Protein backbone atom coordinates (compact mmCIF):
# COMPACT_ATOMS: atom_id res chain seq x y z
CA MET A 1 36.93 26.74 -2.75
CA ILE A 2 34.01 28.58 -4.28
CA ARG A 3 34.03 25.93 -7.14
CA ARG A 4 34.03 22.70 -5.31
CA LEU A 5 30.74 23.90 -3.51
CA ALA A 6 29.03 24.41 -6.96
CA LEU A 7 29.80 21.08 -7.63
CA THR A 8 28.97 19.50 -4.30
CA SER A 9 25.27 21.90 -4.46
CA LEU A 10 25.03 20.70 -8.94
CA SER A 11 25.56 17.13 -8.30
CA ALA A 12 23.39 17.37 -4.67
CA LEU A 13 21.05 18.91 -6.83
CA SER A 14 21.28 16.46 -9.20
CA LEU A 15 20.36 14.27 -7.17
CA ALA A 16 16.73 15.73 -5.61
CA CYS A 17 15.93 15.83 -9.55
CA ALA A 18 16.66 12.15 -10.06
CA THR A 19 15.48 11.20 -7.38
CA ALA A 20 11.87 13.53 -7.45
CA SER A 21 11.66 11.76 -11.34
CA SER A 22 12.41 8.37 -10.00
CA GLU A 23 8.58 8.67 -7.54
CA SER A 24 5.53 8.87 -9.08
CA ARG A 25 1.30 8.84 -8.03
CA LEU A 26 -0.52 5.78 -8.69
CA ALA A 27 -3.80 5.87 -10.19
CA LEU A 28 -6.77 5.12 -7.72
CA THR A 29 -8.76 1.86 -9.38
CA PRO A 30 -12.42 4.49 -10.36
CA VAL A 31 -15.78 3.53 -8.60
CA PRO A 32 -17.27 0.82 -10.21
CA GLU A 33 -20.47 1.05 -12.58
CA SER A 34 -21.47 -2.03 -11.07
CA SER A 35 -24.35 -1.61 -7.18
CA PRO A 36 -21.77 -1.84 -4.19
CA ASP A 37 -22.04 -6.03 -2.90
CA LEU A 38 -23.79 -7.24 -0.68
CA ASP A 39 -22.52 -10.13 0.48
CA PHE A 40 -18.61 -9.22 0.41
CA GLN A 41 -16.57 -11.19 -2.23
CA ALA A 42 -13.31 -10.88 -1.74
CA MET A 43 -10.68 -10.66 -4.65
CA GLY A 44 -7.61 -9.95 -2.82
CA GLU A 45 -6.20 -11.14 0.74
CA VAL A 46 -2.63 -9.71 2.15
CA LEU A 47 -2.32 -12.52 5.39
CA THR A 48 0.48 -12.45 7.85
CA ARG A 49 1.05 -14.76 10.33
CA ASP A 50 -0.81 -12.69 13.34
CA SER A 51 -2.99 -10.45 11.08
CA SER A 52 -4.10 -10.00 7.21
CA ALA A 53 -7.22 -7.80 5.45
CA ALA A 54 -9.21 -9.28 2.31
CA PHE A 55 -10.30 -6.53 0.64
CA SER A 56 -13.12 -6.25 -3.06
CA ASP A 57 -14.01 -3.18 -5.23
CA TRP A 58 -16.70 -1.79 -2.78
CA ARG A 59 -14.93 -2.67 0.85
CA VAL A 60 -11.42 -3.49 2.73
CA VAL A 61 -11.81 -5.91 5.77
CA GLY A 62 -9.93 -7.41 8.34
CA PRO A 63 -9.29 -7.61 12.52
CA HIS A 64 -8.03 -3.87 12.05
CA VAL A 65 -9.63 -2.35 8.94
CA ASN A 66 -13.04 -2.22 8.48
CA LEU A 67 -14.07 0.14 5.12
CA THR A 68 -16.57 0.98 2.51
CA ARG A 69 -15.89 2.55 -0.26
CA ARG A 70 -19.50 5.12 -1.40
CA GLU A 71 -20.61 5.42 -4.55
CA ASP A 72 -18.78 8.84 -4.79
CA GLY A 73 -15.49 7.10 -4.42
CA THR A 74 -14.78 8.44 -1.13
CA TRP A 75 -13.43 6.05 1.44
CA ALA A 76 -15.73 5.50 5.50
CA GLY A 77 -14.77 3.54 8.19
CA ASP A 78 -11.72 2.86 10.71
CA ILE A 79 -8.46 1.54 10.51
CA ALA A 80 -6.79 0.62 13.47
CA HIS A 81 -9.69 1.93 15.85
CA VAL A 82 -9.71 5.34 14.05
CA ASN A 83 -12.52 6.64 12.19
CA VAL A 84 -11.92 8.23 8.21
CA VAL A 85 -13.45 9.84 5.99
CA LEU A 86 -11.47 9.17 2.46
CA THR A 87 -11.39 11.93 -0.18
CA PRO A 88 -10.02 10.02 -3.34
CA SER A 89 -7.51 12.43 -5.23
CA ASP A 90 -4.43 11.84 -7.86
CA GLY A 91 -2.44 9.37 -5.64
CA ARG A 92 -4.44 10.26 -2.53
CA LEU A 93 -7.06 9.02 0.06
CA SER A 94 -6.66 12.22 2.37
CA GLY A 95 -8.88 13.21 5.11
CA ALA A 96 -9.56 14.52 8.55
CA ASN A 97 -7.84 11.79 10.59
CA ALA A 98 -5.80 10.32 7.36
CA ASP A 99 -4.04 11.18 4.39
CA LEU A 100 -2.52 8.22 3.17
CA HIS A 101 -0.07 8.67 -0.88
CA PHE A 102 0.32 5.62 -3.20
CA MET A 103 3.16 5.47 -5.69
CA ARG A 104 6.02 4.04 -7.08
CA TRP A 105 9.16 5.10 -5.95
CA GLY A 106 11.89 3.38 -8.10
CA ASN A 107 11.18 0.09 -8.62
CA GLU A 108 8.54 -0.19 -5.47
CA VAL A 109 5.30 0.03 -5.10
CA ALA A 110 4.99 2.58 -1.70
CA VAL A 111 2.05 3.47 1.11
CA ARG A 112 2.81 6.64 2.79
CA GLY A 113 1.18 9.32 4.82
CA HIS A 114 -0.35 8.90 8.31
CA VAL A 115 -3.12 7.51 10.32
CA GLY A 116 -4.23 9.25 13.59
CA GLY A 117 -1.74 10.66 13.45
CA ARG A 118 0.77 7.77 13.08
CA GLY A 119 3.19 7.84 10.15
CA ILE A 120 3.00 5.48 7.49
CA ASN A 121 5.70 3.19 5.58
CA VAL A 122 5.05 0.47 3.85
CA ARG A 123 7.06 -0.68 0.60
CA VAL A 124 6.70 -3.68 -1.62
CA GLN A 125 10.02 -5.02 -4.28
CA PRO A 126 6.81 -6.82 -6.77
CA GLY A 127 7.85 -9.72 -8.26
CA ASP A 128 6.82 -13.41 -8.55
CA GLY A 129 7.13 -14.15 -5.24
CA MET A 130 7.29 -18.12 -4.05
CA PRO A 131 4.29 -19.25 -5.78
CA ILE A 132 1.99 -20.71 -3.00
CA PRO A 133 -2.04 -22.34 -4.44
CA SER A 134 -3.10 -19.35 -4.06
CA GLY A 135 -1.30 -16.55 -4.37
CA ILE A 136 2.32 -16.27 -3.42
CA ALA A 137 4.69 -16.10 -0.68
CA CYS A 138 7.01 -13.33 -0.08
CA ARG A 139 9.43 -11.73 2.09
CA TYR A 140 8.84 -9.25 5.16
CA GLU A 141 10.73 -7.75 7.52
CA GLY A 142 10.32 -4.12 8.99
CA ASN A 143 7.83 -2.06 6.16
CA LEU A 144 9.02 -3.83 3.13
CA VAL A 145 7.70 -6.92 1.33
CA ASP A 146 9.87 -8.09 -0.92
CA CYS A 147 8.50 -10.68 -3.77
CA ASP A 148 11.38 -11.05 -5.54
CA LYS A 149 11.93 -14.63 -6.13
CA GLN A 150 15.20 -15.00 -4.67
CA SER A 151 14.44 -13.18 -1.89
CA SER A 152 11.17 -15.18 -1.21
CA SER A 153 13.19 -18.26 -1.19
CA VAL A 154 15.27 -17.15 1.50
CA ARG A 155 12.10 -16.71 3.96
CA THR A 156 8.25 -16.65 3.58
CA GLY A 157 6.16 -14.56 6.01
CA ILE A 158 3.66 -12.53 4.29
CA GLU A 159 0.64 -13.95 1.81
CA LEU A 160 -0.38 -12.06 -1.15
CA ARG A 161 -4.03 -14.12 -2.84
CA GLY A 162 -5.98 -13.22 -5.27
CA LEU A 163 -5.30 -9.71 -6.83
CA ALA A 164 -3.42 -8.91 -4.27
CA ALA A 165 -0.35 -11.04 -5.89
CA ARG A 166 -0.62 -9.00 -9.39
CA THR A 167 1.93 -6.84 -7.18
CA ARG A 168 3.74 -5.22 -10.61
CA ASP A 169 0.26 -3.33 -11.15
CA PRO A 170 -1.42 -3.44 -7.92
CA VAL A 171 -5.07 -2.66 -7.21
CA MET A 172 -4.77 1.00 -5.36
CA PRO A 173 -6.61 1.32 -2.47
CA GLN A 174 -7.74 -1.74 -1.90
CA PHE A 175 -4.05 -3.26 -2.01
CA GLY A 176 -2.42 -0.65 -0.43
CA LEU A 177 -4.92 -0.15 2.73
CA ALA A 178 -5.03 -3.99 2.76
CA LEU A 179 -1.07 -3.47 3.52
CA VAL A 180 -1.15 -0.81 6.01
CA ALA A 181 -4.05 -2.51 7.88
CA VAL A 182 -2.15 -5.64 8.17
CA ARG A 183 1.95 -3.76 8.12
CA GLY A 184 2.10 -0.45 8.64
CA LEU A 185 -0.27 -0.66 11.56
CA SER A 186 1.20 -2.91 13.69
CA SER A 187 3.40 -0.38 16.03
CA ILE A 188 -0.37 1.23 16.39
CA MET A 189 -1.52 -1.65 17.85
CA ARG A 190 1.03 -2.85 19.83
């Protein structure tokens, strides 16, 4: 009995270590050397049937998000009508009303945490998606954006344009903030 219990504990510990080792924080883009744009020029965009969010090096904008990167690297504005000032650290943006972690979890890219006390968990399965003129179309269901080409061919529902279509090497935190505004906050807004 003790041996079986010890083996079960060892198996659980091995699984926990394997899971922890498959999770890593994503690097956040550094503050650009250029001055902030006076005229917003989107470098990437995330679109669904009922929402969108576009981003550049300095801004993330859409119906449910308006964030500006300051020269000190913080992001300030609102997301889902929650005012935030987010300070970057290793794979994370955090502040009084939000805490978001940008990570690679196994094969997926994920944004997890909270905004205004509401839980956030948006996952992306990287891939080539279904090519469209401006980027790729992917399938989404629940909190998963699946850009695997085979899955996307069955059903699309979300478009990733410009730099947002670089799902294997995402531009973070901009892409993650746009995803949160479009997919992760849908339950908050309704």
